[in-house]
């Protein structure tokens, strides 16, 4: 396993999450769906602890994905995208939909969060697979 790839994937995930929830993409819709005014985003700033926690969360996901990449010998981008789609569908999308089913979470919020998870998972899987070089063994 390439630990630099895991760290790079976690950093990319962290940065992509910031962009995903920024006013450039879905930040305004996310705020509106949560009942916050448009100006609230300018007033909100994440605490240092939540930023560290978010990075660590991405690091754990990247590490687990890297384990799958190595175990399944995923070494090209197409196989990485397939892996990411299955991981996203079976784990992330289903975990988030639980909030819709049991807590009355808005479908639009689900779409924003599930889209974020999908985008991050695909990007991390591709990075990890391209960085992964299966070992060559002699016959």
N, C-alpha and C. Protein backbone atom coordinates (compact mmCIF):
# COMPACT_ATOMS: atom_id res chain seq x y z
N UNK A 1 0.85 -1.18 0.00
CA UNK A 1 0.00 0.00 0.00
C UNK A 1 0.89 1.24 0.00
N UNK A 2 0.49 2.22 -0.73
CA UNK A 2 1.24 3.46 -0.82
C UNK A 2 0.60 4.50 0.10
N UNK A 3 1.27 4.76 1.21
CA UNK A 3 0.71 5.67 2.20
C UNK A 3 0.66 7.11 1.71
N UNK A 4 1.56 7.48 0.82
CA UNK A 4 1.50 8.82 0.23
C UNK A 4 0.22 8.98 -0.58
N UNK A 5 -0.18 7.91 -1.25
CA UNK A 5 -1.42 7.95 -2.03
C UNK A 5 -2.62 8.11 -1.11
N UNK A 6 -2.59 7.44 0.03
CA UNK A 6 -3.68 7.55 1.00
C UNK A 6 -3.78 8.99 1.50
N UNK A 7 -2.65 9.58 1.83
CA UNK A 7 -2.65 10.97 2.31
C UNK A 7 -3.10 11.91 1.20
N UNK A 8 -2.61 11.69 -0.02
CA UNK A 8 -3.01 12.54 -1.14
C UNK A 8 -4.52 12.43 -1.39
N UNK A 9 -5.05 11.23 -1.32
CA UNK A 9 -6.49 11.03 -1.52
C UNK A 9 -7.30 11.73 -0.42
N UNK A 10 -6.81 11.66 0.81
CA UNK A 10 -7.50 12.32 1.93
C UNK A 10 -7.45 13.83 1.78
N UNK A 11 -6.32 14.37 1.37
CA UNK A 11 -6.22 15.82 1.16
C UNK A 11 -7.15 16.26 0.04
N UNK A 12 -7.16 15.51 -1.06
CA UNK A 12 -8.05 15.85 -2.17
C UNK A 12 -9.51 15.79 -1.72
N UNK A 13 -9.87 14.78 -0.97
CA UNK A 13 -11.24 14.64 -0.45
C UNK A 13 -11.62 15.84 0.41
N UNK A 14 -10.70 16.25 1.27
CA UNK A 14 -10.94 17.40 2.15
C UNK A 14 -11.18 18.67 1.33
N UNK A 15 -10.33 18.89 0.34
CA UNK A 15 -10.46 20.09 -0.50
C UNK A 15 -11.73 20.05 -1.34
N UNK A 16 -12.05 18.87 -1.86
CA UNK A 16 -13.25 18.74 -2.67
C UNK A 16 -14.51 18.96 -1.85
N UNK A 17 -14.50 18.52 -0.61
CA UNK A 17 -15.65 18.76 0.27
C UNK A 17 -15.86 20.24 0.51
N UNK A 18 -14.75 20.97 0.70
CA UNK A 18 -14.86 22.42 0.87
C UNK A 18 -15.46 23.09 -0.35
N UNK A 19 -15.07 22.64 -1.52
CA UNK A 19 -15.61 23.18 -2.76
C UNK A 19 -17.07 22.79 -2.94
N UNK A 20 -17.41 21.54 -2.64
CA UNK A 20 -18.77 21.02 -2.81
C UNK A 20 -19.79 21.84 -2.00
N UNK A 21 -19.41 22.18 -0.77
CA UNK A 21 -20.32 22.92 0.11
C UNK A 21 -20.07 24.42 0.08
N UNK A 22 -19.31 24.90 -0.88
CA UNK A 22 -19.07 26.33 -1.02
C UNK A 22 -20.20 26.96 -1.83
N UNK A 23 -20.27 28.30 -1.84
CA UNK A 23 -21.29 28.97 -2.66
C UNK A 23 -21.11 28.70 -4.15
N UNK A 24 -19.94 28.26 -4.57
CA UNK A 24 -19.71 27.97 -5.98
C UNK A 24 -20.52 26.76 -6.46
N UNK A 25 -20.77 25.80 -5.57
CA UNK A 25 -21.50 24.61 -5.96
C UNK A 25 -22.81 24.49 -5.18
N UNK A 26 -22.83 23.75 -4.09
CA UNK A 26 -24.09 23.44 -3.42
C UNK A 26 -24.26 24.09 -2.05
N UNK A 27 -23.36 24.98 -1.69
CA UNK A 27 -23.45 25.62 -0.37
C UNK A 27 -24.73 26.39 -0.17
N UNK A 28 -25.15 27.15 -1.17
CA UNK A 28 -26.39 27.93 -1.05
C UNK A 28 -27.61 27.03 -0.90
N UNK A 29 -27.70 25.99 -1.71
CA UNK A 29 -28.83 25.06 -1.62
C UNK A 29 -28.82 24.33 -0.28
N UNK A 30 -27.63 23.93 0.17
CA UNK A 30 -27.50 23.24 1.45
C UNK A 30 -28.00 24.13 2.59
N UNK A 31 -27.60 25.41 2.55
CA UNK A 31 -28.03 26.35 3.59
C UNK A 31 -29.54 26.57 3.54
N UNK A 32 -30.08 26.75 2.36
CA UNK A 32 -31.52 26.97 2.21
C UNK A 32 -32.31 25.77 2.70
N UNK A 33 -31.88 24.59 2.36
CA UNK A 33 -32.58 23.38 2.80
C UNK A 33 -32.50 23.18 4.31
N UNK A 34 -31.51 23.75 4.92
CA UNK A 34 -31.37 23.67 6.37
C UNK A 34 -32.06 24.84 7.07
N UNK A 35 -32.71 25.72 6.27
CA UNK A 35 -33.45 26.83 6.84
C UNK A 35 -32.60 28.01 7.24
N UNK A 36 -31.42 28.11 6.65
CA UNK A 36 -30.51 29.22 6.96
C UNK A 36 -30.53 30.21 5.81
N UNK A 37 -30.40 31.46 6.13
CA UNK A 37 -30.35 32.49 5.10
C UNK A 37 -29.07 32.42 4.30
N UNK A 38 -29.11 33.05 3.13
CA UNK A 38 -27.93 33.05 2.25
C UNK A 38 -26.73 33.70 2.93
N UNK A 39 -26.96 34.73 3.71
CA UNK A 39 -25.87 35.41 4.39
C UNK A 39 -25.26 34.61 5.52
N UNK A 40 -25.93 33.55 5.95
CA UNK A 40 -25.43 32.75 7.07
C UNK A 40 -24.12 32.06 6.72
N UNK A 41 -23.92 31.76 5.44
CA UNK A 41 -22.69 31.07 5.06
C UNK A 41 -21.46 31.92 5.34
N UNK A 42 -21.58 33.22 5.11
CA UNK A 42 -20.45 34.11 5.37
C UNK A 42 -20.13 34.16 6.86
N UNK A 43 -21.15 34.00 7.69
CA UNK A 43 -20.96 34.05 9.14
C UNK A 43 -20.46 32.73 9.71
N UNK A 44 -20.71 31.65 8.99
CA UNK A 44 -20.30 30.33 9.48
C UNK A 44 -18.82 30.09 9.19
N UNK A 45 -18.13 29.64 10.16
CA UNK A 45 -16.77 29.19 9.92
C UNK A 45 -16.56 27.95 10.76
N UNK A 46 -16.08 26.88 10.14
CA UNK A 46 -15.91 25.63 10.89
C UNK A 46 -14.82 25.78 11.95
N UNK A 47 -15.03 25.09 13.04
CA UNK A 47 -14.04 25.12 14.11
C UNK A 47 -12.81 24.32 13.68
N UNK A 48 -11.66 24.64 14.25
CA UNK A 48 -10.46 23.85 13.91
C UNK A 48 -10.66 22.36 14.21
N UNK A 49 -11.37 22.07 15.27
CA UNK A 49 -11.62 20.66 15.62
C UNK A 49 -12.45 19.94 14.58
N UNK A 50 -13.46 20.63 14.04
CA UNK A 50 -14.28 19.98 13.02
C UNK A 50 -13.50 19.80 11.71
N UNK A 51 -12.59 20.72 11.42
CA UNK A 51 -11.76 20.57 10.23
C UNK A 51 -10.81 19.38 10.37
N UNK A 52 -10.22 19.23 11.54
CA UNK A 52 -9.33 18.09 11.80
C UNK A 52 -10.14 16.79 11.73
N UNK A 53 -11.32 16.78 12.34
CA UNK A 53 -12.16 15.59 12.33
C UNK A 53 -12.55 15.22 10.90
N UNK A 54 -12.88 16.20 10.08
CA UNK A 54 -13.25 15.93 8.69
C UNK A 54 -12.07 15.37 7.91
N UNK A 55 -10.88 15.92 8.13
CA UNK A 55 -9.71 15.37 7.45
C UNK A 55 -9.45 13.93 7.89
N UNK A 56 -9.56 13.66 9.19
CA UNK A 56 -9.34 12.30 9.69
C UNK A 56 -10.37 11.33 9.13
N UNK A 57 -11.61 11.80 8.98
CA UNK A 57 -12.65 10.97 8.38
C UNK A 57 -12.26 10.59 6.96
N UNK A 58 -11.81 11.57 6.19
CA UNK A 58 -11.36 11.30 4.83
C UNK A 58 -10.15 10.37 4.80
N UNK A 59 -9.28 10.50 5.77
CA UNK A 59 -8.10 9.64 5.85
C UNK A 59 -8.50 8.19 6.10
N UNK A 60 -9.47 7.97 6.96
CA UNK A 60 -9.95 6.61 7.22
C UNK A 60 -10.58 6.02 5.96
N UNK A 61 -11.42 6.80 5.28
CA UNK A 61 -12.05 6.32 4.05
C UNK A 61 -10.98 6.00 3.01
N UNK A 62 -10.01 6.87 2.84
CA UNK A 62 -8.94 6.64 1.87
C UNK A 62 -8.15 5.38 2.21
N UNK A 63 -7.87 5.17 3.49
CA UNK A 63 -7.12 3.98 3.90
C UNK A 63 -7.91 2.71 3.59
N UNK A 64 -9.20 2.71 3.92
CA UNK A 64 -10.02 1.53 3.66
C UNK A 64 -10.14 1.28 2.16
N UNK A 65 -10.34 2.34 1.39
CA UNK A 65 -10.38 2.18 -0.07
C UNK A 65 -9.05 1.63 -0.59
N UNK A 66 -7.96 2.11 -0.04
CA UNK A 66 -6.64 1.62 -0.46
C UNK A 66 -6.52 0.12 -0.17
N UNK A 67 -7.05 -0.32 0.94
CA UNK A 67 -7.03 -1.76 1.25
C UNK A 67 -7.80 -2.55 0.20
N UNK A 68 -8.97 -2.03 -0.21
CA UNK A 68 -9.75 -2.68 -1.26
C UNK A 68 -8.97 -2.69 -2.58
N UNK A 69 -8.36 -1.57 -2.91
CA UNK A 69 -7.59 -1.46 -4.16
C UNK A 69 -6.48 -2.51 -4.18
N UNK A 70 -5.76 -2.65 -3.09
CA UNK A 70 -4.66 -3.62 -3.02
C UNK A 70 -5.20 -5.05 -3.06
N UNK A 71 -6.19 -5.34 -2.24
CA UNK A 71 -6.73 -6.70 -2.16
C UNK A 71 -7.35 -7.15 -3.47
N UNK A 72 -8.02 -6.23 -4.15
CA UNK A 72 -8.71 -6.56 -5.40
C UNK A 72 -7.84 -6.33 -6.63
N UNK A 73 -6.60 -5.86 -6.39
CA UNK A 73 -5.66 -5.59 -7.48
C UNK A 73 -6.24 -4.63 -8.52
N UNK A 74 -6.85 -3.57 -8.04
CA UNK A 74 -7.42 -2.54 -8.91
C UNK A 74 -6.27 -1.64 -9.37
N UNK A 75 -5.98 -1.68 -10.66
CA UNK A 75 -4.80 -0.96 -11.14
C UNK A 75 -5.08 -0.05 -12.33
N UNK A 76 -6.36 0.16 -12.68
CA UNK A 76 -6.67 1.09 -13.75
C UNK A 76 -7.89 1.92 -13.35
N UNK A 77 -8.06 3.03 -14.02
CA UNK A 77 -9.08 3.99 -13.60
C UNK A 77 -10.50 3.44 -13.76
N UNK A 78 -10.75 2.62 -14.76
CA UNK A 78 -12.09 2.09 -14.98
C UNK A 78 -12.49 1.14 -13.86
N UNK A 79 -11.59 0.27 -13.49
CA UNK A 79 -11.86 -0.63 -12.36
C UNK A 79 -12.01 0.16 -11.06
N UNK A 80 -11.27 1.24 -10.94
CA UNK A 80 -11.38 2.09 -9.75
C UNK A 80 -12.75 2.75 -9.68
N UNK A 81 -13.26 3.20 -10.81
CA UNK A 81 -14.59 3.82 -10.83
C UNK A 81 -15.65 2.78 -10.47
N UNK A 82 -15.52 1.57 -11.00
CA UNK A 82 -16.47 0.51 -10.66
C UNK A 82 -16.43 0.21 -9.16
N UNK A 83 -15.23 0.09 -8.61
CA UNK A 83 -15.10 -0.14 -7.17
C UNK A 83 -15.76 0.98 -6.38
N UNK A 84 -15.49 2.21 -6.77
CA UNK A 84 -16.05 3.37 -6.07
C UNK A 84 -17.58 3.35 -6.12
N UNK A 85 -18.14 3.03 -7.27
CA UNK A 85 -19.60 3.00 -7.39
C UNK A 85 -20.22 1.96 -6.47
N UNK A 86 -19.60 0.78 -6.40
CA UNK A 86 -20.13 -0.26 -5.52
C UNK A 86 -19.98 0.11 -4.04
N UNK A 87 -18.83 0.65 -3.68
CA UNK A 87 -18.62 1.07 -2.29
C UNK A 87 -19.61 2.18 -1.93
N UNK A 88 -19.76 3.14 -2.82
CA UNK A 88 -20.69 4.24 -2.57
C UNK A 88 -22.11 3.73 -2.42
N UNK A 89 -22.56 2.93 -3.38
CA UNK A 89 -23.94 2.45 -3.35
C UNK A 89 -24.21 1.58 -2.12
N UNK A 90 -23.33 0.64 -1.87
CA UNK A 90 -23.58 -0.32 -0.79
C UNK A 90 -23.40 0.23 0.60
N UNK A 91 -22.55 1.22 0.76
CA UNK A 91 -22.26 1.71 2.10
C UNK A 91 -22.69 3.16 2.30
N UNK A 92 -22.11 4.06 1.55
CA UNK A 92 -22.34 5.48 1.80
C UNK A 92 -23.76 5.91 1.45
N UNK A 93 -24.22 5.61 0.25
CA UNK A 93 -25.57 6.03 -0.15
C UNK A 93 -26.62 5.41 0.74
N UNK A 94 -26.44 4.14 1.11
CA UNK A 94 -27.42 3.47 1.96
C UNK A 94 -27.38 4.00 3.39
N UNK A 95 -26.21 4.35 3.88
CA UNK A 95 -26.13 4.91 5.23
C UNK A 95 -26.82 6.26 5.29
N UNK A 96 -26.61 7.08 4.28
CA UNK A 96 -27.21 8.41 4.27
C UNK A 96 -28.73 8.32 4.08
N UNK A 97 -29.20 7.38 3.27
CA UNK A 97 -30.65 7.27 3.03
C UNK A 97 -31.39 6.88 4.31
N UNK A 98 -30.68 6.30 5.26
CA UNK A 98 -31.31 6.01 6.55
C UNK A 98 -31.86 7.26 7.21
N UNK A 99 -31.21 8.39 7.01
CA UNK A 99 -31.71 9.65 7.57
C UNK A 99 -33.00 10.08 6.90
N UNK A 100 -33.14 9.78 5.62
CA UNK A 100 -34.38 10.11 4.91
C UNK A 100 -35.51 9.23 5.43
N UNK A 101 -35.24 7.95 5.57
CA UNK A 101 -36.26 7.00 5.99
C UNK A 101 -36.70 7.22 7.43
N UNK A 102 -35.73 7.41 8.32
CA UNK A 102 -36.05 7.42 9.75
C UNK A 102 -36.16 8.80 10.38
N UNK A 103 -35.57 9.82 9.77
CA UNK A 103 -35.54 11.13 10.39
C UNK A 103 -36.25 12.21 9.59
N UNK A 104 -36.85 11.84 8.47
CA UNK A 104 -37.54 12.82 7.65
C UNK A 104 -36.61 13.79 6.94
N UNK A 105 -35.40 13.38 6.74
CA UNK A 105 -34.38 14.18 6.06
C UNK A 105 -34.86 14.48 4.64
N UNK A 106 -34.70 15.69 4.18
CA UNK A 106 -35.14 16.07 2.84
C UNK A 106 -34.35 15.33 1.77
N UNK A 107 -35.03 14.88 0.72
CA UNK A 107 -34.37 14.18 -0.38
C UNK A 107 -33.32 15.06 -1.04
N UNK A 108 -33.57 16.37 -1.07
CA UNK A 108 -32.60 17.27 -1.69
C UNK A 108 -31.30 17.30 -0.89
N UNK A 109 -31.42 17.30 0.44
CA UNK A 109 -30.21 17.22 1.28
C UNK A 109 -29.50 15.89 1.07
N UNK A 110 -30.30 14.83 0.97
CA UNK A 110 -29.72 13.52 0.68
C UNK A 110 -28.91 13.58 -0.61
N UNK A 111 -29.47 14.18 -1.63
CA UNK A 111 -28.79 14.25 -2.93
C UNK A 111 -27.48 15.02 -2.82
N UNK A 112 -27.48 16.10 -2.07
CA UNK A 112 -26.25 16.89 -1.90
C UNK A 112 -25.19 16.07 -1.17
N UNK A 113 -25.57 15.45 -0.06
CA UNK A 113 -24.59 14.68 0.72
C UNK A 113 -24.14 13.41 -0.01
N UNK A 114 -25.08 12.72 -0.63
CA UNK A 114 -24.72 11.50 -1.37
C UNK A 114 -23.86 11.84 -2.58
N UNK A 115 -24.15 12.95 -3.23
CA UNK A 115 -23.32 13.39 -4.35
C UNK A 115 -21.90 13.71 -3.92
N UNK A 116 -21.77 14.34 -2.77
CA UNK A 116 -20.45 14.64 -2.21
C UNK A 116 -19.69 13.35 -1.95
N UNK A 117 -20.36 12.38 -1.33
CA UNK A 117 -19.72 11.09 -1.04
C UNK A 117 -19.32 10.37 -2.32
N UNK A 118 -20.17 10.40 -3.33
CA UNK A 118 -19.87 9.74 -4.60
C UNK A 118 -18.66 10.37 -5.27
N UNK A 119 -18.67 11.69 -5.35
CA UNK A 119 -17.57 12.41 -5.99
C UNK A 119 -16.24 12.12 -5.28
N UNK A 120 -16.24 12.17 -3.98
CA UNK A 120 -15.02 11.90 -3.22
C UNK A 120 -14.55 10.46 -3.38
N UNK A 121 -15.49 9.52 -3.33
CA UNK A 121 -15.13 8.11 -3.41
C UNK A 121 -14.55 7.77 -4.78
N UNK A 122 -15.14 8.30 -5.83
CA UNK A 122 -14.61 8.05 -7.18
C UNK A 122 -13.21 8.63 -7.30
N UNK A 123 -13.03 9.87 -6.90
CA UNK A 123 -11.72 10.51 -7.02
C UNK A 123 -10.66 9.80 -6.18
N UNK A 124 -11.01 9.45 -4.95
CA UNK A 124 -10.04 8.74 -4.11
C UNK A 124 -9.68 7.39 -4.70
N UNK A 125 -10.67 6.65 -5.19
CA UNK A 125 -10.41 5.33 -5.75
C UNK A 125 -9.50 5.41 -6.97
N UNK A 126 -9.74 6.40 -7.82
CA UNK A 126 -8.91 6.55 -9.01
C UNK A 126 -7.47 6.89 -8.62
N UNK A 127 -7.31 7.84 -7.70
CA UNK A 127 -5.95 8.18 -7.24
C UNK A 127 -5.24 6.96 -6.67
N UNK A 128 -5.94 6.24 -5.81
CA UNK A 128 -5.33 5.08 -5.16
C UNK A 128 -4.99 3.98 -6.16
N UNK A 129 -5.85 3.77 -7.14
CA UNK A 129 -5.59 2.71 -8.11
C UNK A 129 -4.44 3.08 -9.05
N UNK A 130 -4.36 4.34 -9.43
CA UNK A 130 -3.28 4.75 -10.33
C UNK A 130 -1.93 4.73 -9.61
N UNK A 131 -1.96 4.96 -8.31
CA UNK A 131 -0.74 4.95 -7.52
C UNK A 131 -0.32 3.52 -7.17
N UNK A 132 -1.31 2.63 -7.17
CA UNK A 132 -1.06 1.24 -6.79
C UNK A 132 -0.41 0.49 -7.96
N UNK A 133 0.68 -0.17 -7.66
CA UNK A 133 1.34 -1.01 -8.65
C UNK A 133 1.34 -2.42 -8.12
N UNK A 134 0.54 -3.29 -8.73
CA UNK A 134 0.53 -4.68 -8.25
C UNK A 134 1.93 -5.27 -8.31
N UNK A 135 2.23 -6.08 -7.32
CA UNK A 135 3.56 -6.69 -7.29
C UNK A 135 3.66 -7.74 -8.39
N UNK A 136 4.82 -7.82 -8.99
CA UNK A 136 5.07 -8.79 -10.05
C UNK A 136 5.82 -9.95 -9.41
N UNK A 137 5.27 -11.13 -9.57
CA UNK A 137 5.91 -12.31 -8.99
C UNK A 137 6.44 -13.18 -10.11
N UNK A 138 7.50 -13.86 -9.83
CA UNK A 138 8.06 -14.80 -10.81
C UNK A 138 7.27 -16.08 -10.78
N UNK A 139 7.03 -16.66 -11.99
CA UNK A 139 6.26 -17.93 -12.03
C UNK A 139 6.99 -19.08 -11.40
